[in-house]
All heavy atoms as atom14 arrays in JSON, in Angstrom:
{
  "sequence": "AETPDAPGCGAPVAYPGRYDAEPQIVYGCVD",
  "atom14_mask": [
    [1, 1, 1, 1, 1, 0, 0, 0, 0, 0, 0, 0, 0, 0],
    [1, 1, 1, 1, 1, 1, 1, 1, 1, 0, 0, 0, 0, 0],
    [1, 1, 1, 1, 1, 1, 1, 0, 0, 0, 0, 0, 0, 0],
    [1, 1, 1, 1, 1, 1, 1, 0, 0, 0, 0, 0, 0, 0],
    [1, 1, 1, 1, 1, 1, 1, 1, 0, 0, 0, 0, 0, 0],
    [1, 1, 1, 1, 1, 0, 0, 0, 0, 0, 0, 0, 0, 0],
    [1, 1, 1, 1, 1, 1, 1, 0, 0, 0, 0, 0, 0, 0],
    [1, 1, 1, 1, 0, 0, 0, 0, 0, 0, 0, 0, 0, 0],
    [1, 1, 1, 1, 1, 1, 0, 0, 0, 0, 0, 0, 0, 0],
    [1, 1, 1, 1, 0, 0, 0, 0, 0, 0, 0, 0, 0, 0],
    [1, 1, 1, 1, 1, 0, 0, 0, 0, 0, 0, 0, 0, 0],
    [1, 1, 1, 1, 1, 1, 1, 0, 0, 0, 0, 0, 0, 0],
    [1, 1, 1, 1, 1, 1, 1, 0, 0, 0, 0, 0, 0, 0],
    [1, 1, 1, 1, 1, 0, 0, 0, 0, 0, 0, 0, 0, 0],
    [1, 1, 1, 1, 1, 1, 1, 1, 1, 1, 1, 1, 0, 0],
    [1, 1, 1, 1, 1, 1, 1, 0, 0, 0, 0, 0, 0, 0],
    [1, 1, 1, 1, 0, 0, 0, 0, 0, 0, 0, 0, 0, 0],
    [1, 1, 1, 1, 1, 1, 1, 1, 1, 1, 1, 0, 0, 0],
    [1, 1, 1, 1, 1, 1, 1, 1, 1, 1, 1, 1, 0, 0],
    [1, 1, 1, 1, 1, 1, 1, 1, 0, 0, 0, 0, 0, 0],
    [1, 1, 1, 1, 1, 0, 0, 0, 0, 0, 0, 0, 0, 0],
    [1, 1, 1, 1, 1, 1, 1, 1, 1, 0, 0, 0, 0, 0],
    [1, 1, 1, 1, 1, 1, 1, 0, 0, 0, 0, 0, 0, 0],
    [1, 1, 1, 1, 1, 1, 1, 1, 1, 0, 0, 0, 0, 0],
    [1, 1, 1, 1, 1, 1, 1, 1, 0, 0, 0, 0, 0, 0],
    [1, 1, 1, 1, 1, 1, 1, 0, 0, 0, 0, 0, 0, 0],
    [1, 1, 1, 1, 1, 1, 1, 1, 1, 1, 1, 1, 0, 0],
    [1, 1, 1, 1, 0, 0, 0, 0, 0, 0, 0, 0, 0, 0],
    [1, 1, 1, 1, 1, 1, 0, 0, 0, 0, 0, 0, 0, 0],
    [1, 1, 1, 1, 1, 1, 1, 0, 0, 0, 0, 0, 0, 0],
    [1, 1, 1, 1, 1, 1, 1, 1, 0, 0, 0, 0, 0, 0]
  ],
  "atom14_positions": [
    [[166.48, 47.36, 74.49], [166.42, 47.61, 73.02], [167.85, 47.71, 72.44], [168.07, 47.4, 71.26], [165.64, 48.88, 72.77], [0.0, 0.0, 0.0], [0.0, 0.0, 0.0], [0.0, 0.0, 0.0], [0.0, 0.0, 0.0], [0.0, 0.0, 0.0], [0.0, 0.0, 0.0], [0.0, 0.0, 0.0], [0.0, 0.0, 0.0], [0.0, 0.0, 0.0]],
    [[168.8, 48.16, 73.26], [170.14, 48.34, 72.8], [170.97, 47.03, 72.98], [171.88, 46.75, 72.2], [170.85, 49.5, 73.46], [170.12, 50.85, 73.23], [170.74, 51.96, 74.03], [171.61, 51.62, 74.91], [170.35, 53.17, 73.84], [0.0, 0.0, 0.0], [0.0, 0.0, 0.0], [0.0, 0.0, 0.0], [0.0, 0.0, 0.0], [0.0, 0.0, 0.0]],
    [[170.71, 46.35, 74.13], [171.47, 45.1, 74.41], [170.46, 44.01, 74.74], [170.27, 43.64, 75.88], [172.5, 45.36, 75.54], [171.73, 45.8, 76.66], [173.55, 46.28, 75.17], [0.0, 0.0, 0.0], [0.0, 0.0, 0.0], [0.0, 0.0, 0.0], [0.0, 0.0, 0.0], [0.0, 0.0, 0.0], [0.0, 0.0, 0.0], [0.0, 0.0, 0.0]],
    [[169.78, 43.48, 73.71], [168.74, 42.49, 73.97], [169.24, 41.16, 74.58], [168.45, 40.45, 75.15], [168.13, 42.22, 72.57], [169.21, 42.64, 71.6], [169.97, 43.75, 72.26], [0.0, 0.0, 0.0], [0.0, 0.0, 0.0], [0.0, 0.0, 0.0], [0.0, 0.0, 0.0], [0.0, 0.0, 0.0], [0.0, 0.0, 0.0], [0.0, 0.0, 0.0]],
    [[170.53, 40.93, 74.49], [171.08, 39.69, 75.06], [171.5, 39.82, 76.47], [172.01, 38.88, 77.06], [172.28, 39.21, 74.16], [171.85, 38.83, 72.75], [170.62, 38.43, 72.54], [172.67, 38.99, 71.83], [0.0, 0.0, 0.0], [0.0, 0.0, 0.0], [0.0, 0.0, 0.0], [0.0, 0.0, 0.0], [0.0, 0.0, 0.0], [0.0, 0.0, 0.0]],
    [[171.35, 41.01, 77.0], [171.79, 41.22, 78.41], [170.91, 40.36, 79.39], [169.74, 40.13, 79.1], [171.71, 42.67, 78.77], [0.0, 0.0, 0.0], [0.0, 0.0, 0.0], [0.0, 0.0, 0.0], [0.0, 0.0, 0.0], [0.0, 0.0, 0.0], [0.0, 0.0, 0.0], [0.0, 0.0, 0.0], [0.0, 0.0, 0.0], [0.0, 0.0, 0.0]],
    [[171.47, 39.99, 80.51], [170.64, 39.21, 81.55], [169.45, 40.01, 81.95], [169.48, 41.18, 82.24], [171.66, 39.02, 82.7], [173.02, 39.16, 82.1], [172.89, 40.11, 80.96], [0.0, 0.0, 0.0], [0.0, 0.0, 0.0], [0.0, 0.0, 0.0], [0.0, 0.0, 0.0], [0.0, 0.0, 0.0], [0.0, 0.0, 0.0], [0.0, 0.0, 0.0]],
    [[168.31, 39.3, 81.93], [167.06, 39.94, 82.34], [166.26, 40.54, 81.21], [165.18, 41.06, 81.48], [0.0, 0.0, 0.0], [0.0, 0.0, 0.0], [0.0, 0.0, 0.0], [0.0, 0.0, 0.0], [0.0, 0.0, 0.0], [0.0, 0.0, 0.0], [0.0, 0.0, 0.0], [0.0, 0.0, 0.0], [0.0, 0.0, 0.0], [0.0, 0.0, 0.0]],
    [[166.87, 40.62, 79.98], [166.16, 41.24, 78.9], [165.23, 40.33, 78.18], [164.64, 40.69, 77.14], [167.17, 41.85, 77.93], [167.88, 43.4, 78.52], [0.0, 0.0, 0.0], [0.0, 0.0, 0.0], [0.0, 0.0, 0.0], [0.0, 0.0, 0.0], [0.0, 0.0, 0.0], [0.0, 0.0, 0.0], [0.0, 0.0, 0.0], [0.0, 0.0, 0.0]],
    [[165.07, 39.09, 78.65], [164.11, 38.14, 78.08], [162.7, 38.56, 78.4], [162.41, 39.59, 79.01], [0.0, 0.0, 0.0], [0.0, 0.0, 0.0], [0.0, 0.0, 0.0], [0.0, 0.0, 0.0], [0.0, 0.0, 0.0], [0.0, 0.0, 0.0], [0.0, 0.0, 0.0], [0.0, 0.0, 0.0], [0.0, 0.0, 0.0], [0.0, 0.0, 0.0]],
    [[161.78, 37.72, 78.04], [160.33, 37.95, 78.33], [160.17, 38.01, 79.8], [160.74, 37.22, 80.58], [159.51, 36.89, 77.69], [0.0, 0.0, 0.0], [0.0, 0.0, 0.0], [0.0, 0.0, 0.0], [0.0, 0.0, 0.0], [0.0, 0.0, 0.0], [0.0, 0.0, 0.0], [0.0, 0.0, 0.0], [0.0, 0.0, 0.0], [0.0, 0.0, 0.0]],
    [[159.34, 38.96, 80.37], [159.08, 39.09, 81.74], [158.42, 37.86, 82.29], [157.56, 37.29, 81.63], [158.24, 40.34, 81.92], [157.59, 40.5, 80.57], [158.59, 40.03, 79.57], [0.0, 0.0, 0.0], [0.0, 0.0, 0.0], [0.0, 0.0, 0.0], [0.0, 0.0, 0.0], [0.0, 0.0, 0.0], [0.0, 0.0, 0.0], [0.0, 0.0, 0.0]],
    [[158.75, 37.54, 83.54], [158.1, 36.35, 84.18], [156.92, 36.8, 84.89], [156.91, 37.75, 85.68], [159.13, 35.65, 85.19], [158.44, 34.5, 85.87], [160.37, 35.27, 84.49], [0.0, 0.0, 0.0], [0.0, 0.0, 0.0], [0.0, 0.0, 0.0], [0.0, 0.0, 0.0], [0.0, 0.0, 0.0], [0.0, 0.0, 0.0], [0.0, 0.0, 0.0]],
    [[155.76, 36.16, 84.67], [154.55, 36.48, 85.38], [154.07, 35.2, 86.16], [154.48, 34.11, 85.82], [153.46, 36.84, 84.38], [0.0, 0.0, 0.0], [0.0, 0.0, 0.0], [0.0, 0.0, 0.0], [0.0, 0.0, 0.0], [0.0, 0.0, 0.0], [0.0, 0.0, 0.0], [0.0, 0.0, 0.0], [0.0, 0.0, 0.0], [0.0, 0.0, 0.0]],
    [[153.34, 35.42, 87.2], [152.87, 34.31, 88.02], [151.38, 34.4, 88.19], [150.89, 34.71, 89.22], [153.53, 34.42, 89.41], [155.04, 34.28, 89.35], [155.86, 35.4, 89.16], [155.63, 33.01, 89.48], [157.23, 35.28, 89.1], [157.01, 32.91, 89.43], [157.81, 34.05, 89.22], [159.16, 33.9, 89.18], [0.0, 0.0, 0.0], [0.0, 0.0, 0.0]],
    [[150.66, 34.06, 87.12], [149.17, 34.03, 87.23], [148.76, 32.78, 88.01], [149.33, 31.74, 87.97], [148.71, 34.01, 85.77], [149.81, 33.28, 85.0], [151.12, 33.71, 85.75], [0.0, 0.0, 0.0], [0.0, 0.0, 0.0], [0.0, 0.0, 0.0], [0.0, 0.0, 0.0], [0.0, 0.0, 0.0], [0.0, 0.0, 0.0], [0.0, 0.0, 0.0]],
    [[147.66, 32.93, 88.68], [147.08, 31.8, 89.44], [146.68, 32.25, 90.82], [146.79, 33.43, 91.18], [0.0, 0.0, 0.0], [0.0, 0.0, 0.0], [0.0, 0.0, 0.0], [0.0, 0.0, 0.0], [0.0, 0.0, 0.0], [0.0, 0.0, 0.0], [0.0, 0.0, 0.0], [0.0, 0.0, 0.0], [0.0, 0.0, 0.0], [0.0, 0.0, 0.0]],
    [[146.2, 31.27, 91.6], [145.73, 31.52, 92.97], [146.62, 30.71, 93.93], [146.99, 29.53, 93.65], [144.29, 31.08, 93.17], [143.78, 31.3, 94.6], [142.3, 31.19, 94.67], [141.63, 32.31, 93.92], [141.42, 33.51, 94.38], [141.85, 33.81, 95.57], [140.9, 34.43, 93.62], [0.0, 0.0, 0.0], [0.0, 0.0, 0.0], [0.0, 0.0, 0.0]],
    [[147.08, 31.39, 95.02], [148.01, 30.75, 95.98], [147.45, 30.81, 97.36], [146.78, 31.8, 97.78], [149.35, 31.47, 95.85], [149.98, 31.52, 94.5], [149.6, 32.39, 93.52], [150.93, 30.54, 94.18], [150.13, 32.33, 92.27], [151.51, 30.51, 92.94], [151.11, 31.43, 91.96], [151.67, 31.4, 90.74], [0.0, 0.0, 0.0], [0.0, 0.0, 0.0]],
    [[147.76, 29.79, 98.17], [147.35, 29.81, 99.6], [148.5, 30.32, 100.44], [149.6, 30.58, 99.99], [146.93, 28.45, 100.07], [148.03, 27.41, 100.03], [149.15, 27.77, 99.79], [147.74, 26.2, 100.34], [0.0, 0.0, 0.0], [0.0, 0.0, 0.0], [0.0, 0.0, 0.0], [0.0, 0.0, 0.0], [0.0, 0.0, 0.0], [0.0, 0.0, 0.0]],
    [[148.18, 30.59, 101.75], [149.15, 31.03, 102.73], [149.02, 30.28, 104.02], [147.89, 30.19, 104.56], [149.05, 32.57, 102.94], [0.0, 0.0, 0.0], [0.0, 0.0, 0.0], [0.0, 0.0, 0.0], [0.0, 0.0, 0.0], [0.0, 0.0, 0.0], [0.0, 0.0, 0.0], [0.0, 0.0, 0.0], [0.0, 0.0, 0.0], [0.0, 0.0, 0.0]],
    [[150.09, 29.75, 104.53], [150.08, 28.99, 105.78], [151.29, 29.39, 106.61], [152.25, 29.94, 106.05], [150.11, 27.48, 105.48], [148.87, 26.95, 104.77], [148.95, 25.47, 104.5], [150.09, 24.94, 104.64], [147.91, 24.85, 104.23], [0.0, 0.0, 0.0], [0.0, 0.0, 0.0], [0.0, 0.0, 0.0], [0.0, 0.0, 0.0], [0.0, 0.0, 0.0]],
    [[151.39, 29.16, 107.9], [150.43, 28.4, 108.73], [149.4, 29.35, 109.34], [149.37, 30.51, 109.03], [151.27, 27.77, 109.84], [152.33, 28.8, 110.03], [152.57, 29.41, 108.65], [0.0, 0.0, 0.0], [0.0, 0.0, 0.0], [0.0, 0.0, 0.0], [0.0, 0.0, 0.0], [0.0, 0.0, 0.0], [0.0, 0.0, 0.0], [0.0, 0.0, 0.0]],
    [[148.58, 28.85, 110.38], [147.65, 29.67, 111.04], [148.44, 30.72, 111.88], [149.47, 30.43, 112.48], [146.83, 28.86, 112.03], [145.87, 29.62, 112.84], [145.09, 28.74, 113.83], [145.18, 27.59, 113.81], [144.3, 29.4, 114.7], [0.0, 0.0, 0.0], [0.0, 0.0, 0.0], [0.0, 0.0, 0.0], [0.0, 0.0, 0.0], [0.0, 0.0, 0.0]],
    [[147.93, 31.97, 111.89], [148.61, 33.09, 112.6], [147.67, 33.51, 113.74], [146.5, 33.9, 113.47], [148.86, 34.23, 111.67], [149.86, 33.74, 110.56], [149.43, 35.44, 112.43], [150.07, 34.79, 109.5], [0.0, 0.0, 0.0], [0.0, 0.0, 0.0], [0.0, 0.0, 0.0], [0.0, 0.0, 0.0], [0.0, 0.0, 0.0], [0.0, 0.0, 0.0]],
    [[148.12, 33.45, 114.99], [147.32, 33.83, 116.15], [148.14, 34.83, 116.97], [149.26, 34.62, 117.31], [146.99, 32.65, 117.05], [146.17, 33.07, 118.28], [146.23, 31.58, 116.28], [0.0, 0.0, 0.0], [0.0, 0.0, 0.0], [0.0, 0.0, 0.0], [0.0, 0.0, 0.0], [0.0, 0.0, 0.0], [0.0, 0.0, 0.0], [0.0, 0.0, 0.0]],
    [[147.49, 36.01, 117.3], [148.14, 37.02, 118.13], [147.13, 37.86, 118.83], [146.03, 38.14, 118.36], [149.02, 37.95, 117.21], [149.61, 39.07, 118.0], [150.61, 38.85, 118.92], [149.12, 40.4, 117.84], [151.18, 39.91, 119.66], [149.7, 41.46, 118.57], [150.74, 41.2, 119.48], [151.23, 42.25, 120.21], [0.0, 0.0, 0.0], [0.0, 0.0, 0.0]],
    [[147.42, 38.23, 120.09], [146.54, 39.06, 120.86], [147.32, 39.93, 121.82], [148.42, 39.64, 122.18], [0.0, 0.0, 0.0], [0.0, 0.0, 0.0], [0.0, 0.0, 0.0], [0.0, 0.0, 0.0], [0.0, 0.0, 0.0], [0.0, 0.0, 0.0], [0.0, 0.0, 0.0], [0.0, 0.0, 0.0], [0.0, 0.0, 0.0], [0.0, 0.0, 0.0]],
    [[146.75, 41.12, 122.18], [147.34, 41.98, 123.16], [146.27, 42.7, 123.96], [145.11, 42.81, 123.45], [148.31, 42.98, 122.51], [147.59, 43.97, 121.15], [0.0, 0.0, 0.0], [0.0, 0.0, 0.0], [0.0, 0.0, 0.0], [0.0, 0.0, 0.0], [0.0, 0.0, 0.0], [0.0, 0.0, 0.0], [0.0, 0.0, 0.0], [0.0, 0.0, 0.0]],
    [[146.6, 43.15, 125.17], [145.55, 43.71, 126.05], [145.99, 45.08, 126.58], [147.15, 45.45, 126.58], [145.28, 42.79, 127.26], [144.84, 41.44, 126.78], [146.59, 42.6, 128.07], [0.0, 0.0, 0.0], [0.0, 0.0, 0.0], [0.0, 0.0, 0.0], [0.0, 0.0, 0.0], [0.0, 0.0, 0.0], [0.0, 0.0, 0.0], [0.0, 0.0, 0.0]],
    [[145.06, 45.77, 127.14], [145.25, 47.03, 127.85], [145.96, 46.83, 129.22], [145.51, 45.97, 130.0], [143.88, 47.74, 128.07], [144.03, 49.19, 128.61], [144.65, 49.33, 129.66], [143.52, 50.06, 127.99], [0.0, 0.0, 0.0], [0.0, 0.0, 0.0], [0.0, 0.0, 0.0], [0.0, 0.0, 0.0], [0.0, 0.0, 0.0], [0.0, 0.0, 0.0]]
  ]
}
């Protein structure tokens, strides 16, 4: 509000949407 031109004071960035995650993750451990 005091320094509107400062870096990062613009409109906030949002990331709406659906995203996938890869690759396949496999892990196991035993007694």
